[in-house]
Amino acid sequence: MSNLLSQGGVELADRYAPLWFFGQALNRPPCYPTWAFGGSPTSSDIYDDAHKTPAASQCGYPNVGCKCRNPGVGIGNRGPAFPIYFTYKRCNDNEVRVVYNLFYEKDGAEVVGIETGHD
């Protein structure tokens, strides 16, 4: 267990990482996870207020994937890289809990004039 938790738990998180599947409705691409603090596939996040990824504005339903990062590939194809943020807690000598998080520029859409997402 200690071996898996060395180096900040990266090996543990990687070994047990979930598979992610993203749905698409009405032939409209979804928003896709992105970096919370300005990172990219080739650079790390910079964790300060100046590098926070700004929220994308809402669009009318069903166009929920507008003005945000989209997969950019057709259905059935592997999507581009995205970050998976994780935290872990060692509960005892035999149990560790890992939480995986994704960051989206926005969530939801405007439906009948009501914004259903969050900024």
N, C-alpha and C. Protein backbone atom coordinates (compact mmCIF):
# COMPACT_ATOMS: atom_id res chain seq x y z
N MET A 1 0.82 -1.19 0.00
CA MET A 1 0.00 0.00 0.00
C MET A 1 0.86 1.25 0.00
N SER A 2 1.87 1.29 0.87
CA SER A 2 2.73 2.47 0.94
C SER A 2 3.41 2.74 -0.39
N ASN A 3 3.76 1.68 -1.10
CA ASN A 3 4.39 1.83 -2.41
C ASN A 3 3.46 2.55 -3.39
N LEU A 4 2.17 2.20 -3.38
CA LEU A 4 1.21 2.85 -4.27
C LEU A 4 0.95 4.31 -3.89
N LEU A 5 1.18 4.65 -2.63
CA LEU A 5 0.92 6.02 -2.18
C LEU A 5 2.15 6.92 -2.26
N SER A 6 3.30 6.33 -2.56
CA SER A 6 4.49 7.17 -2.71
C SER A 6 4.30 8.09 -3.91
N GLN A 7 4.97 9.19 -3.93
CA GLN A 7 4.88 10.18 -5.01
C GLN A 7 3.47 10.75 -5.13
N GLY A 8 2.82 10.98 -4.00
CA GLY A 8 1.52 11.65 -4.01
C GLY A 8 0.35 10.82 -4.46
N GLY A 9 0.48 9.52 -4.53
CA GLY A 9 -0.62 8.65 -4.91
C GLY A 9 -0.89 8.57 -6.41
N VAL A 10 0.03 9.09 -7.22
CA VAL A 10 -0.18 9.09 -8.68
C VAL A 10 -0.30 7.67 -9.22
N GLU A 11 0.56 6.76 -8.76
CA GLU A 11 0.49 5.38 -9.25
C GLU A 11 -0.83 4.72 -8.87
N LEU A 12 -1.30 4.95 -7.66
CA LEU A 12 -2.59 4.40 -7.23
C LEU A 12 -3.72 4.96 -8.08
N ALA A 13 -3.75 6.28 -8.25
CA ALA A 13 -4.82 6.91 -9.04
C ALA A 13 -4.80 6.43 -10.48
N ASP A 14 -3.63 6.28 -11.05
CA ASP A 14 -3.51 5.82 -12.43
C ASP A 14 -3.94 4.37 -12.57
N ARG A 15 -3.53 3.54 -11.66
CA ARG A 15 -3.84 2.11 -11.74
C ARG A 15 -5.34 1.84 -11.68
N TYR A 16 -6.08 2.61 -10.89
CA TYR A 16 -7.50 2.35 -10.71
C TYR A 16 -8.40 3.40 -11.34
N ALA A 17 -7.87 4.19 -12.25
CA ALA A 17 -8.65 5.25 -12.89
C ALA A 17 -9.83 4.67 -13.66
N PRO A 18 -10.96 5.35 -13.62
CA PRO A 18 -12.14 4.88 -14.36
C PRO A 18 -12.01 5.15 -15.85
N LEU A 19 -12.85 4.49 -16.62
CA LEU A 19 -12.99 4.82 -18.04
C LEU A 19 -14.07 5.89 -18.13
N TRP A 20 -13.90 6.82 -19.03
CA TRP A 20 -14.85 7.92 -19.17
C TRP A 20 -15.55 7.80 -20.51
N PHE A 21 -16.87 7.89 -20.49
CA PHE A 21 -17.66 7.88 -21.72
C PHE A 21 -18.51 9.15 -21.74
N PHE A 22 -18.58 9.79 -22.90
CA PHE A 22 -19.29 11.06 -23.02
C PHE A 22 -20.42 10.91 -24.02
N GLY A 23 -21.61 11.28 -23.61
CA GLY A 23 -22.79 11.15 -24.46
C GLY A 23 -22.96 12.33 -25.39
N GLN A 24 -23.78 12.13 -26.39
CA GLN A 24 -24.12 13.18 -27.34
C GLN A 24 -25.61 13.08 -27.62
N ALA A 25 -26.31 14.21 -27.56
CA ALA A 25 -27.75 14.20 -27.79
C ALA A 25 -28.10 15.03 -29.02
N LEU A 26 -29.03 14.54 -29.81
CA LEU A 26 -29.56 15.26 -30.96
C LEU A 26 -28.46 15.72 -31.91
N ASN A 27 -27.44 14.87 -32.09
CA ASN A 27 -26.31 15.16 -32.99
C ASN A 27 -25.57 16.44 -32.63
N ARG A 28 -25.56 16.80 -31.38
CA ARG A 28 -24.84 17.99 -30.90
C ARG A 28 -23.71 17.52 -29.99
N PRO A 29 -22.49 17.98 -30.23
CA PRO A 29 -21.39 17.55 -29.38
C PRO A 29 -21.52 18.13 -27.97
N PRO A 30 -21.04 17.41 -26.97
CA PRO A 30 -21.10 17.89 -25.60
C PRO A 30 -19.91 18.80 -25.29
N CYS A 31 -19.99 19.48 -24.16
CA CYS A 31 -18.78 20.12 -23.63
C CYS A 31 -17.87 18.98 -23.18
N TYR A 32 -16.59 19.22 -23.24
CA TYR A 32 -15.59 18.20 -22.94
C TYR A 32 -14.72 18.71 -21.79
N PRO A 33 -14.24 17.83 -20.94
CA PRO A 33 -13.41 18.29 -19.83
C PRO A 33 -12.20 19.09 -20.32
N THR A 34 -11.78 20.04 -19.51
CA THR A 34 -10.62 20.85 -19.85
C THR A 34 -9.82 21.15 -18.59
N TRP A 35 -8.78 21.93 -18.73
CA TRP A 35 -7.89 22.25 -17.62
C TRP A 35 -8.48 23.38 -16.79
N ALA A 36 -8.47 23.22 -15.49
CA ALA A 36 -9.06 24.21 -14.59
C ALA A 36 -8.20 25.46 -14.45
N PHE A 37 -6.91 25.34 -14.69
CA PHE A 37 -5.99 26.46 -14.49
C PHE A 37 -5.04 26.64 -15.66
N GLY A 38 -5.57 26.62 -16.87
CA GLY A 38 -4.79 26.99 -18.05
C GLY A 38 -3.78 25.99 -18.55
N GLY A 39 -3.83 24.75 -18.14
CA GLY A 39 -2.89 23.75 -18.63
C GLY A 39 -3.25 23.28 -20.03
N SER A 40 -2.53 22.27 -20.49
CA SER A 40 -2.77 21.68 -21.81
C SER A 40 -2.16 20.28 -21.80
N PRO A 41 -2.31 19.50 -22.89
CA PRO A 41 -1.70 18.17 -22.90
C PRO A 41 -0.18 18.21 -22.73
N THR A 42 0.44 19.34 -23.04
CA THR A 42 1.91 19.43 -22.96
C THR A 42 2.41 20.32 -21.84
N SER A 43 1.51 20.93 -21.06
CA SER A 43 1.94 21.78 -19.94
C SER A 43 1.01 21.59 -18.75
N SER A 44 1.56 21.77 -17.58
CA SER A 44 0.78 21.59 -16.35
C SER A 44 -0.05 22.82 -16.03
N ASP A 45 -1.06 22.62 -15.18
CA ASP A 45 -1.82 23.75 -14.66
C ASP A 45 -0.91 24.65 -13.83
N ILE A 46 -1.25 25.94 -13.79
CA ILE A 46 -0.59 26.89 -12.90
C ILE A 46 -1.66 27.34 -11.92
N TYR A 47 -1.54 26.90 -10.68
CA TYR A 47 -2.61 27.07 -9.70
C TYR A 47 -2.58 28.45 -9.05
N ASP A 48 -3.09 29.45 -9.76
CA ASP A 48 -3.30 30.78 -9.18
C ASP A 48 -4.48 31.43 -9.89
N ASP A 49 -5.00 32.50 -9.30
CA ASP A 49 -6.20 33.15 -9.84
C ASP A 49 -6.01 33.65 -11.27
N ALA A 50 -4.80 34.05 -11.63
CA ALA A 50 -4.55 34.60 -12.97
C ALA A 50 -4.71 33.55 -14.06
N HIS A 51 -4.61 32.27 -13.70
CA HIS A 51 -4.67 31.20 -14.70
C HIS A 51 -5.96 30.38 -14.65
N LYS A 52 -6.94 30.81 -13.85
CA LYS A 52 -8.21 30.08 -13.78
C LYS A 52 -8.89 30.10 -15.15
N THR A 53 -9.42 28.96 -15.55
CA THR A 53 -10.17 28.89 -16.80
C THR A 53 -11.51 29.58 -16.58
N PRO A 54 -11.84 30.60 -17.39
CA PRO A 54 -13.11 31.30 -17.18
C PRO A 54 -14.31 30.44 -17.59
N ALA A 55 -15.44 30.73 -16.99
CA ALA A 55 -16.67 30.02 -17.32
C ALA A 55 -17.13 30.41 -18.73
N ALA A 56 -17.68 29.45 -19.45
CA ALA A 56 -18.26 29.71 -20.78
C ALA A 56 -19.74 30.04 -20.61
N SER A 57 -20.25 30.89 -21.47
CA SER A 57 -21.66 31.29 -21.34
C SER A 57 -22.60 30.17 -21.80
N GLN A 58 -23.81 30.21 -21.29
CA GLN A 58 -24.84 29.23 -21.62
C GLN A 58 -25.44 29.52 -22.99
N CYS A 59 -25.92 28.50 -23.66
CA CYS A 59 -26.63 28.63 -24.93
C CYS A 59 -27.98 27.94 -24.80
N GLY A 60 -28.85 28.18 -25.75
CA GLY A 60 -30.17 27.57 -25.72
C GLY A 60 -30.13 26.07 -25.95
N TYR A 61 -30.92 25.33 -25.20
CA TYR A 61 -31.03 23.89 -25.36
C TYR A 61 -31.59 23.59 -26.75
N PRO A 62 -31.12 22.58 -27.46
CA PRO A 62 -30.23 21.50 -27.05
C PRO A 62 -28.75 21.76 -27.36
N ASN A 63 -28.38 22.98 -27.66
CA ASN A 63 -27.00 23.29 -28.03
C ASN A 63 -26.13 23.43 -26.78
N VAL A 64 -26.04 22.38 -25.99
CA VAL A 64 -25.32 22.44 -24.72
C VAL A 64 -23.80 22.48 -24.89
N GLY A 65 -23.30 22.10 -26.05
CA GLY A 65 -21.86 22.08 -26.28
C GLY A 65 -21.30 23.31 -26.96
N CYS A 66 -22.04 24.40 -26.96
CA CYS A 66 -21.57 25.63 -27.61
C CYS A 66 -20.60 26.38 -26.69
N LYS A 67 -19.71 27.14 -27.29
CA LYS A 67 -18.80 28.05 -26.57
C LYS A 67 -17.97 27.37 -25.51
N CYS A 68 -17.67 26.08 -25.70
CA CYS A 68 -16.82 25.36 -24.76
C CYS A 68 -15.99 24.34 -25.55
N ARG A 69 -15.06 23.70 -24.88
CA ARG A 69 -14.24 22.70 -25.54
C ARG A 69 -15.10 21.51 -25.92
N ASN A 70 -15.01 21.08 -27.19
CA ASN A 70 -15.72 19.91 -27.69
C ASN A 70 -14.73 18.79 -27.96
N PRO A 71 -15.19 17.54 -28.07
CA PRO A 71 -14.27 16.44 -28.37
C PRO A 71 -13.55 16.62 -29.70
N GLY A 72 -14.24 17.17 -30.70
CA GLY A 72 -13.60 17.39 -32.00
C GLY A 72 -13.41 16.13 -32.82
N VAL A 73 -14.01 15.03 -32.42
CA VAL A 73 -13.93 13.77 -33.18
C VAL A 73 -15.34 13.19 -33.28
N GLY A 74 -15.55 12.35 -34.26
CA GLY A 74 -16.84 11.72 -34.45
C GLY A 74 -17.14 10.67 -33.39
N ILE A 75 -18.41 10.29 -33.31
CA ILE A 75 -18.84 9.26 -32.37
C ILE A 75 -18.08 7.97 -32.66
N GLY A 76 -17.67 7.28 -31.61
CA GLY A 76 -16.96 6.02 -31.75
C GLY A 76 -15.45 6.17 -31.87
N ASN A 77 -14.94 7.40 -31.82
CA ASN A 77 -13.50 7.65 -31.89
C ASN A 77 -12.97 8.08 -30.53
N ARG A 78 -11.70 7.80 -30.33
CA ARG A 78 -11.05 8.21 -29.09
C ARG A 78 -10.96 9.74 -29.05
N GLY A 79 -11.33 10.32 -27.92
CA GLY A 79 -11.29 11.77 -27.77
C GLY A 79 -9.91 12.26 -27.41
N PRO A 80 -9.72 13.57 -27.43
CA PRO A 80 -8.42 14.15 -27.09
C PRO A 80 -8.15 14.05 -25.58
N ALA A 81 -6.92 14.30 -25.21
CA ALA A 81 -6.51 14.23 -23.81
C ALA A 81 -7.25 15.27 -22.97
N PHE A 82 -7.51 14.92 -21.73
CA PHE A 82 -8.08 15.86 -20.76
C PHE A 82 -7.55 15.49 -19.39
N PRO A 83 -7.49 16.46 -18.48
CA PRO A 83 -6.94 16.17 -17.16
C PRO A 83 -7.96 15.49 -16.25
N ILE A 84 -7.45 14.64 -15.40
CA ILE A 84 -8.27 14.01 -14.36
C ILE A 84 -7.64 14.42 -13.03
N TYR A 85 -8.38 15.17 -12.26
CA TYR A 85 -7.90 15.61 -10.95
C TYR A 85 -8.32 14.57 -9.92
N PHE A 86 -7.46 14.30 -8.95
CA PHE A 86 -7.80 13.30 -7.95
C PHE A 86 -7.30 13.71 -6.58
N THR A 87 -7.96 13.20 -5.58
CA THR A 87 -7.50 13.28 -4.20
C THR A 87 -7.65 11.89 -3.61
N TYR A 88 -6.88 11.62 -2.58
CA TYR A 88 -7.01 10.32 -1.92
C TYR A 88 -6.88 10.49 -0.42
N LYS A 89 -7.42 9.54 0.29
CA LYS A 89 -7.31 9.50 1.74
C LYS A 89 -7.05 8.07 2.16
N ARG A 90 -6.02 7.89 2.95
CA ARG A 90 -5.74 6.57 3.50
C ARG A 90 -6.58 6.41 4.76
N CYS A 91 -7.54 5.51 4.71
CA CYS A 91 -8.47 5.31 5.83
C CYS A 91 -7.86 4.44 6.93
N ASN A 92 -7.13 3.42 6.54
CA ASN A 92 -6.41 2.55 7.47
C ASN A 92 -5.35 1.81 6.66
N ASP A 93 -4.71 0.81 7.24
CA ASP A 93 -3.63 0.10 6.54
C ASP A 93 -4.10 -0.65 5.31
N ASN A 94 -5.39 -0.97 5.22
CA ASN A 94 -5.90 -1.77 4.11
C ASN A 94 -6.89 -1.04 3.21
N GLU A 95 -7.18 0.22 3.48
CA GLU A 95 -8.20 0.91 2.72
C GLU A 95 -7.76 2.33 2.35
N VAL A 96 -7.91 2.63 1.07
CA VAL A 96 -7.64 3.97 0.55
C VAL A 96 -8.83 4.36 -0.31
N ARG A 97 -9.27 5.59 -0.19
CA ARG A 97 -10.37 6.09 -1.04
C ARG A 97 -9.80 7.13 -1.98
N VAL A 98 -10.14 6.97 -3.25
CA VAL A 98 -9.69 7.90 -4.28
C VAL A 98 -10.91 8.55 -4.90
N VAL A 99 -10.87 9.87 -5.06
CA VAL A 99 -11.95 10.61 -5.71
C VAL A 99 -11.38 11.22 -6.98
N TYR A 100 -12.04 10.97 -8.11
CA TYR A 100 -11.63 11.50 -9.41
C TYR A 100 -12.58 12.63 -9.80
N ASN A 101 -12.03 13.72 -10.30
CA ASN A 101 -12.84 14.88 -10.69
C ASN A 101 -12.47 15.35 -12.08
N LEU A 102 -13.46 15.83 -12.82
CA LEU A 102 -13.25 16.45 -14.12
C LEU A 102 -13.69 17.90 -14.01
N PHE A 103 -13.07 18.77 -14.81
CA PHE A 103 -13.45 20.19 -14.82
C PHE A 103 -14.05 20.52 -16.18
N TYR A 104 -15.18 21.20 -16.15
CA TYR A 104 -15.84 21.67 -17.37
C TYR A 104 -15.96 23.19 -17.32
N GLU A 105 -15.80 23.84 -18.47
CA GLU A 105 -15.97 25.29 -18.53
C GLU A 105 -17.39 25.70 -18.19
N LYS A 106 -18.34 24.82 -18.44
CA LYS A 106 -19.74 25.10 -18.11
C LYS A 106 -20.49 23.79 -18.01
N ASP A 107 -21.69 23.90 -17.45
CA ASP A 107 -22.56 22.74 -17.31
C ASP A 107 -23.98 23.24 -17.49
N GLY A 108 -24.74 22.61 -18.34
CA GLY A 108 -26.12 23.01 -18.52
C GLY A 108 -26.36 23.84 -19.76
N ALA A 109 -27.55 24.41 -19.85
CA ALA A 109 -27.95 25.22 -21.00
C ALA A 109 -29.07 26.16 -20.55
N GLU A 110 -29.42 27.05 -21.44
CA GLU A 110 -30.56 27.92 -21.17
C GLU A 110 -31.81 27.24 -21.73
N VAL A 111 -32.80 27.03 -20.88
CA VAL A 111 -34.04 26.38 -21.27
C VAL A 111 -35.20 27.32 -20.95
N VAL A 112 -35.91 27.75 -21.96
CA VAL A 112 -37.04 28.67 -21.82
C VAL A 112 -36.62 29.90 -20.98
N GLY A 113 -35.43 30.44 -21.29
CA GLY A 113 -34.95 31.64 -20.61
C GLY A 113 -34.36 31.43 -19.24
N ILE A 114 -34.27 30.19 -18.79
CA ILE A 114 -33.71 29.89 -17.46
C ILE A 114 -32.37 29.20 -17.65
N GLU A 115 -31.30 29.76 -17.05
CA GLU A 115 -30.00 29.11 -17.11
C GLU A 115 -29.98 27.96 -16.12
N THR A 116 -29.79 26.75 -16.63
CA THR A 116 -29.84 25.56 -15.77
C THR A 116 -28.47 25.14 -15.27
N GLY A 117 -27.43 25.73 -15.79
CA GLY A 117 -26.08 25.35 -15.39
C GLY A 117 -25.52 26.24 -14.30
N HIS A 118 -24.22 26.24 -14.19
CA HIS A 118 -23.53 27.08 -13.22
C HIS A 118 -22.33 27.71 -13.88
N ASP A 119 -21.83 28.79 -13.30
CA ASP A 119 -20.62 29.46 -13.80
C ASP A 119 -19.43 29.04 -12.97
